[in-house]
Structure formats: structure tokens, C-alpha cells
């Protein structure tokens, strides 16, 4: 979630984690379903709303 909130692309996230791009996309799709979100923004909002992330976890503008 923190990489998503930092605005990393799927490819940058895969590189950072040492994962394959398809693995990142599969995990992200599952996360969207779990959060009942259609967009990355909605996923971030739902994660904060559900207490998965604190406001201070969000990157500085």
C-alpha cells in the first residue's frame, strides 16, 4: 500500500520489490477487489478509511 500511495507505477513497484510485473498487477487487482475500489485513488482512500494506513503514511506533496 505504501508504494501505491507513493505513486509508483506497476513497473517501478515490481523493480522495487524484485517481482515480475504480472505479479504486481495480480496483487493490485486483488487489492482493488478487497477494497471494493475501481481506481488507485479509491484504493488509497479506502485503505486510510479502514485504518490500513495512517494519514502520516501518505507521501508529502
PDB file of N, CA and C in Angstrom:
ATOM      1  N   UNK A   1       0.823  -1.189   0.000  1.00  0.00           N
ATOM      2  CA  UNK A   1       0.000   0.000   0.000  1.00  0.00           C
ATOM      3  C   UNK A   1       0.863   1.247   0.000  1.00  0.00           C
ATOM      4  N   UNK A   2       1.967   1.223   0.724  1.00  0.00           N
ATOM      5  CA  UNK A   2       2.794   2.432   0.784  1.00  0.00           C
ATOM      6  C   UNK A   2       3.382   2.777  -0.578  1.00  0.00           C
ATOM      7  N   UNK A   3       3.729   1.784  -1.378  1.00  0.00           N
ATOM      8  CA  UNK A   3       4.246   2.057  -2.720  1.00  0.00           C
ATOM      9  C   UNK A   3       3.145   2.620  -3.612  1.00  0.00           C
ATOM     10  N   UNK A   4       1.938   2.130  -3.445  1.00  0.00           N
ATOM     11  CA  UNK A   4       0.796   2.665  -4.177  1.00  0.00           C
ATOM     12  C   UNK A   4       0.580   4.125  -3.789  1.00  0.00           C
ATOM     13  N   UNK A   5       0.604   4.405  -2.505  1.00  0.00           N
ATOM     14  CA  UNK A   5       0.398   5.774  -2.035  1.00  0.00           C
ATOM     15  C   UNK A   5       1.531   6.698  -2.478  1.00  0.00           C
ATOM     16  N   UNK A   6       2.715   6.141  -2.673  1.00  0.00           N
ATOM     17  CA  UNK A   6       3.845   6.955  -3.123  1.00  0.00           C
ATOM     18  C   UNK A   6       3.740   7.279  -4.607  1.00  0.00           C
ATOM     19  N   UNK A   7       2.796   6.649  -5.303  1.00  0.00           N
ATOM     20  CA  UNK A   7       2.563   6.953  -6.706  1.00  0.00           C
ATOM     21  C   UNK A   7       3.450   6.182  -7.669  1.00  0.00           C
ATOM     22  N   UNK A   8       4.078   5.105  -7.199  1.00  0.00           N
ATOM     23  CA  UNK A   8       4.923   4.318  -8.086  1.00  0.00           C
ATOM     24  C   UNK A   8       4.080   3.615  -9.151  1.00  0.00           C
ATOM     25  N   UNK A   9       4.640   3.478 -10.323  1.00  0.00           N
ATOM     26  CA  UNK A   9       3.978   2.723 -11.381  1.00  0.00           C
ATOM     27  C   UNK A   9       4.068   1.238 -11.039  1.00  0.00           C
ATOM     28  N   UNK A  10       3.315   0.436 -11.760  1.00  0.00           N
ATOM     29  CA  UNK A  10       3.389  -1.006 -11.552  1.00  0.00           C
ATOM     30  C   UNK A  10       4.810  -1.512 -11.814  1.00  0.00           C
ATOM     31  N   UNK A  11       5.438  -0.994 -12.875  1.00  0.00           N
ATOM     32  CA  UNK A  11       6.793  -1.432 -13.207  1.00  0.00           C
ATOM     33  C   UNK A  11       7.788  -1.003 -12.124  1.00  0.00           C
ATOM     34  N   UNK A  12       7.670   0.209 -11.623  1.00  0.00           N
ATOM     35  CA  UNK A  12       8.573   0.685 -10.570  1.00  0.00           C
ATOM     36  C   UNK A  12       8.379  -0.125  -9.291  1.00  0.00           C
ATOM     37  N   UNK A  13       7.129  -0.475  -8.995  1.00  0.00           N
ATOM     38  CA  UNK A  13       6.841  -1.308  -7.828  1.00  0.00           C
ATOM     39  C   UNK A  13       7.466  -2.688  -8.003  1.00  0.00           C
ATOM     40  N   UNK A  14       7.323  -3.266  -9.185  1.00  0.00           N
ATOM     41  CA  UNK A  14       7.918  -4.579  -9.457  1.00  0.00           C
ATOM     42  C   UNK A  14       9.437  -4.520  -9.296  1.00  0.00           C
ATOM     43  N   UNK A  15      10.051  -3.494  -9.840  1.00  0.00           N
ATOM     44  CA  UNK A  15      11.504  -3.343  -9.717  1.00  0.00           C
ATOM     45  C   UNK A  15      11.916  -3.197  -8.263  1.00  0.00           C
ATOM     46  N   UNK A  16      11.175  -2.395  -7.508  1.00  0.00           N
ATOM     47  CA  UNK A  16      11.499  -2.154  -6.094  1.00  0.00           C
ATOM     48  C   UNK A  16      11.400  -3.440  -5.271  1.00  0.00           C
ATOM     49  N   UNK A  17      10.378  -4.249  -5.561  1.00  0.00           N
ATOM     50  CA  UNK A  17      10.148  -5.473  -4.785  1.00  0.00           C
ATOM     51  C   UNK A  17      10.895  -6.686  -5.337  1.00  0.00           C
ATOM     52  N   UNK A  18      11.422  -6.545  -6.562  1.00  0.00           N
ATOM     53  CA  UNK A  18      12.072  -7.691  -7.185  1.00  0.00           C
ATOM     54  C   UNK A  18      11.075  -8.715  -7.684  1.00  0.00           C
ATOM     55  N   UNK A  19       9.888  -8.242  -8.035  1.00  0.00           N
ATOM     56  CA  UNK A  19       8.821  -9.091  -8.516  1.00  0.00           C
ATOM     57  C   UNK A  19       8.661  -8.907 -10.013  1.00  0.00           C
ATOM     58  N   UNK A  20       7.949  -9.806 -10.634  1.00  0.00           N
ATOM     59  CA  UNK A  20       7.591  -9.689 -12.045  1.00  0.00           C
ATOM     60  C   UNK A  20       6.406  -8.721 -12.137  1.00  0.00           C
ATOM     61  N   UNK A  21       6.322  -7.990 -13.226  1.00  0.00           N
ATOM     62  CA  UNK A  21       5.253  -7.019 -13.433  1.00  0.00           C
ATOM     63  C   UNK A  21       3.879  -7.668 -13.311  1.00  0.00           C
ATOM     64  N   UNK A  22       3.727  -8.854 -13.875  1.00  0.00           N
ATOM     65  CA  UNK A  22       2.424  -9.532 -13.806  1.00  0.00           C
ATOM     66  C   UNK A  22       2.028  -9.856 -12.361  1.00  0.00           C
ATOM     67  N   UNK A  23       2.990 -10.177 -11.522  1.00  0.00           N
ATOM     68  CA  UNK A  23       2.713 -10.463 -10.115  1.00  0.00           C
ATOM     69  C   UNK A  23       2.192  -9.218  -9.412  1.00  0.00           C
ATOM     70  N   UNK A  24       2.813  -8.087  -9.675  1.00  0.00           N
ATOM     71  CA  UNK A  24       2.364  -6.829  -9.073  1.00  0.00           C
ATOM     72  C   UNK A  24       0.932  -6.534  -9.514  1.00  0.00           C
ATOM     73  N   UNK A  25       0.657  -6.681 -10.790  1.00  0.00           N
ATOM     74  CA  UNK A  25      -0.691  -6.397 -11.294  1.00  0.00           C
ATOM     75  C   UNK A  25      -1.730  -7.343 -10.703  1.00  0.00           C
ATOM     76  N   UNK A  26      -1.361  -8.597 -10.523  1.00  0.00           N
ATOM     77  CA  UNK A  26      -2.285  -9.565  -9.927  1.00  0.00           C
ATOM     78  C   UNK A  26      -2.588  -9.196  -8.471  1.00  0.00           C
ATOM     79  N   UNK A  27      -1.554  -8.826  -7.724  1.00  0.00           N
ATOM     80  CA  UNK A  27      -1.746  -8.416  -6.331  1.00  0.00           C
ATOM     81  C   UNK A  27      -2.576  -7.132  -6.252  1.00  0.00           C
ATOM     82  N   UNK A  28      -2.290  -6.195  -7.162  1.00  0.00           N
ATOM     83  CA  UNK A  28      -3.028  -4.946  -7.153  1.00  0.00           C
ATOM     84  C   UNK A  28      -4.505  -5.170  -7.486  1.00  0.00           C
ATOM     85  N   UNK A  29      -4.790  -6.028  -8.434  1.00  0.00           N
ATOM     86  CA  UNK A  29      -6.175  -6.342  -8.780  1.00  0.00           C
ATOM     87  C   UNK A  29      -6.912  -6.951  -7.591  1.00  0.00           C
ATOM     88  N   UNK A  30      -6.242  -7.841  -6.880  1.00  0.00           N
ATOM     89  CA  UNK A  30      -6.845  -8.450  -5.689  1.00  0.00           C
ATOM     90  C   UNK A  30      -7.101  -7.389  -4.616  1.00  0.00           C
ATOM     91  N   UNK A  31      -6.178  -6.470  -4.478  1.00  0.00           N
ATOM     92  CA  UNK A  31      -6.333  -5.395  -3.504  1.00  0.00           C
ATOM     93  C   UNK A  31      -7.523  -4.505  -3.859  1.00  0.00           C
ATOM     94  N   UNK A  32      -7.672  -4.168  -5.136  1.00  0.00           N
ATOM     95  CA  UNK A  32      -8.819  -3.365  -5.561  1.00  0.00           C
ATOM     96  C   UNK A  32     -10.134  -4.077  -5.246  1.00  0.00           C
ATOM     97  N   UNK A  33     -10.177  -5.380  -5.516  1.00  0.00           N
ATOM     98  CA  UNK A  33     -11.400  -6.148  -5.212  1.00  0.00           C
ATOM     99  C   UNK A  33     -11.670  -6.148  -3.715  1.00  0.00           C
ATOM    100  N   UNK A  34     -10.632  -6.365  -2.927  1.00  0.00           N
ATOM    101  CA  UNK A  34     -10.799  -6.424  -1.470  1.00  0.00           C
ATOM    102  C   UNK A  34     -11.283  -5.090  -0.910  1.00  0.00           C
ATOM    103  N   UNK A  35     -10.817  -3.994  -1.507  1.00  0.00           N
ATOM    104  CA  UNK A  35     -11.219  -2.668  -1.046  1.00  0.00           C
ATOM    105  C   UNK A  35     -12.486  -2.160  -1.733  1.00  0.00           C
ATOM    106  N   UNK A  36     -13.009  -2.930  -2.680  1.00  0.00           N
ATOM    107  CA  UNK A  36     -14.180  -2.528  -3.466  1.00  0.00           C
ATOM    108  C   UNK A  36     -13.926  -1.173  -4.114  1.00  0.00           C
ATOM    109  N   UNK A  37     -12.754  -1.050  -4.743  1.00  0.00           N
ATOM    110  CA  UNK A  37     -12.335   0.196  -5.383  1.00  0.00           C
ATOM    111  C   UNK A  37     -12.132  -0.035  -6.879  1.00  0.00           C
ATOM    112  N   UNK A  38     -12.380   1.012  -7.658  1.00  0.00           N
ATOM    113  CA  UNK A  38     -12.204   0.924  -9.103  1.00  0.00           C
ATOM    114  C   UNK A  38     -10.926   1.613  -9.567  1.00  0.00           C
ATOM    115  N   UNK A  39     -10.379   2.514  -8.735  1.00  0.00           N
ATOM    116  CA  UNK A  39      -9.191   3.263  -9.117  1.00  0.00           C
ATOM    117  C   UNK A  39      -8.155   3.228  -7.996  1.00  0.00           C
ATOM    118  N   UNK A  40      -6.937   3.626  -8.321  1.00  0.00           N
ATOM    119  CA  UNK A  40      -5.877   3.706  -7.316  1.00  0.00           C
ATOM    120  C   UNK A  40      -6.242   4.726  -6.235  1.00  0.00           C
ATOM    121  N   UNK A  41      -6.835   5.836  -6.662  1.00  0.00           N
ATOM    122  CA  UNK A  41      -7.239   6.858  -5.695  1.00  0.00           C
ATOM    123  C   UNK A  41      -8.254   6.288  -4.707  1.00  0.00           C
ATOM    124  N   UNK A  42      -9.255   5.591  -5.227  1.00  0.00           N
ATOM    125  CA  UNK A  42     -10.263   4.992  -4.357  1.00  0.00           C
ATOM    126  C   UNK A  42      -9.630   3.972  -3.418  1.00  0.00           C
ATOM    127  N   UNK A  43      -8.674   3.213  -3.910  1.00  0.00           N
ATOM    128  CA  UNK A  43      -7.996   2.226  -3.070  1.00  0.00           C
ATOM    129  C   UNK A  43      -7.263   2.918  -1.920  1.00  0.00           C
ATOM    130  N   UNK A  44      -6.558   3.998  -2.229  1.00  0.00           N
ATOM    131  CA  UNK A  44      -5.868   4.750  -1.177  1.00  0.00           C
ATOM    132  C   UNK A  44      -6.829   5.317  -0.159  1.00  0.00           C
ATOM    133  N   UNK A  45      -7.919   5.884  -0.645  1.00  0.00           N
ATOM    134  CA  UNK A  45      -8.941   6.441   0.242  1.00  0.00           C
ATOM    135  C   UNK A  45      -9.521   5.355   1.156  1.00  0.00           C
ATOM    136  N   UNK A  46      -9.878   4.216   0.566  1.00  0.00           N
ATOM    137  CA  UNK A  46     -10.450   3.123   1.353  1.00  0.00           C
ATOM    138  C   UNK A  46      -9.457   2.572   2.373  1.00  0.00           C
ATOM    139  N   UNK A  47      -8.192   2.502   1.993  1.00  0.00           N
ATOM    140  CA  UNK A  47      -7.175   1.989   2.918  1.00  0.00           C
ATOM    141  C   UNK A  47      -7.034   2.905   4.129  1.00  0.00           C
ATOM    142  N   UNK A  48      -7.043   4.214   3.922  1.00  0.00           N
ATOM    143  CA  UNK A  48      -6.969   5.163   5.037  1.00  0.00           C
ATOM    144  C   UNK A  48      -8.247   5.077   5.858  1.00  0.00           C
ATOM    145  N   UNK A  49      -9.371   5.038   5.172  1.00  0.00           N
ATOM    146  CA  UNK A  49     -10.672   4.973   5.852  1.00  0.00           C
ATOM    147  C   UNK A  49     -10.798   3.729   6.739  1.00  0.00           C
ATOM    148  N   UNK A  50     -10.232   2.626   6.286  1.00  0.00           N
ATOM    149  CA  UNK A  50     -10.311   1.375   7.046  1.00  0.00           C
ATOM    150  C   UNK A  50      -9.206   1.224   8.083  1.00  0.00           C
ATOM    151  N   UNK A  51      -8.317   2.207   8.134  1.00  0.00           N
ATOM    152  CA  UNK A  51      -7.257   2.169   9.136  1.00  0.00           C
ATOM    153  C   UNK A  51      -6.054   1.357   8.721  1.00  0.00           C
ATOM    154  N   UNK A  52      -5.978   0.979   7.445  1.00  0.00           N
ATOM    155  CA  UNK A  52      -4.816   0.225   6.955  1.00  0.00           C
ATOM    156  C   UNK A  52      -3.598   1.124   6.858  1.00  0.00           C
ATOM    157  N   UNK A  53      -3.843   2.413   6.608  1.00  0.00           N
ATOM    158  CA  UNK A  53      -2.782   3.413   6.520  1.00  0.00           C
ATOM    159  C   UNK A  53      -3.182   4.609   7.347  1.00  0.00           C
ATOM    160  N   UNK A  54      -2.207   5.230   7.997  1.00  0.00           N
ATOM    161  CA  UNK A  54      -2.455   6.470   8.710  1.00  0.00           C
ATOM    162  C   UNK A  54      -2.159   7.627   7.769  1.00  0.00           C
ATOM    163  N   UNK A  55      -2.729   8.784   8.058  1.00  0.00           N
ATOM    164  CA  UNK A  55      -2.509   9.955   7.209  1.00  0.00           C
ATOM    165  C   UNK A  55      -1.035  10.276   7.104  1.00  0.00           C
ATOM    166  N   UNK A  56      -0.270  10.045   8.150  1.00  0.00           N
ATOM    167  CA  UNK A  56       1.170  10.340   8.114  1.00  0.00           C
ATOM    168  C   UNK A  56       1.942   9.366   7.234  1.00  0.00           C
ATOM    169  N   UNK A  57       1.320   8.263   6.822  1.00  0.00           N
ATOM    170  CA  UNK A  57       1.953   7.317   5.909  1.00  0.00           C
ATOM    171  C   UNK A  57       1.937   7.823   4.464  1.00  0.00           C
ATOM    172  N   UNK A  58       1.054   8.774   4.188  1.00  0.00           N
ATOM    173  CA  UNK A  58       0.938   9.316   2.841  1.00  0.00           C
ATOM    174  C   UNK A  58       2.173  10.146   2.523  1.00  0.00           C
ATOM    175  N   UNK A  59       2.636  10.096   1.283  1.00  0.00           N
ATOM    176  CA  UNK A  59       3.825  10.874   0.912  1.00  0.00           C
ATOM    177  C   UNK A  59       3.553  12.367   0.944  1.00  0.00           C
ATOM    178  N   UNK A  60       4.579  13.139   1.212  1.00  0.00           N
ATOM    179  CA  UNK A  60       4.462  14.598   1.226  1.00  0.00           C
ATOM    180  C   UNK A  60       4.269  15.099  -0.199  1.00  0.00           C
ATOM    181  N   UNK A  61       3.473  16.168  -0.368  1.00  0.00           N
ATOM    182  CA  UNK A  61       3.239  16.695  -1.719  1.00  0.00           C
ATOM    183  C   UNK A  61       4.476  17.317  -2.323  1.00  0.00           C
TER     184      UNK A  61
END
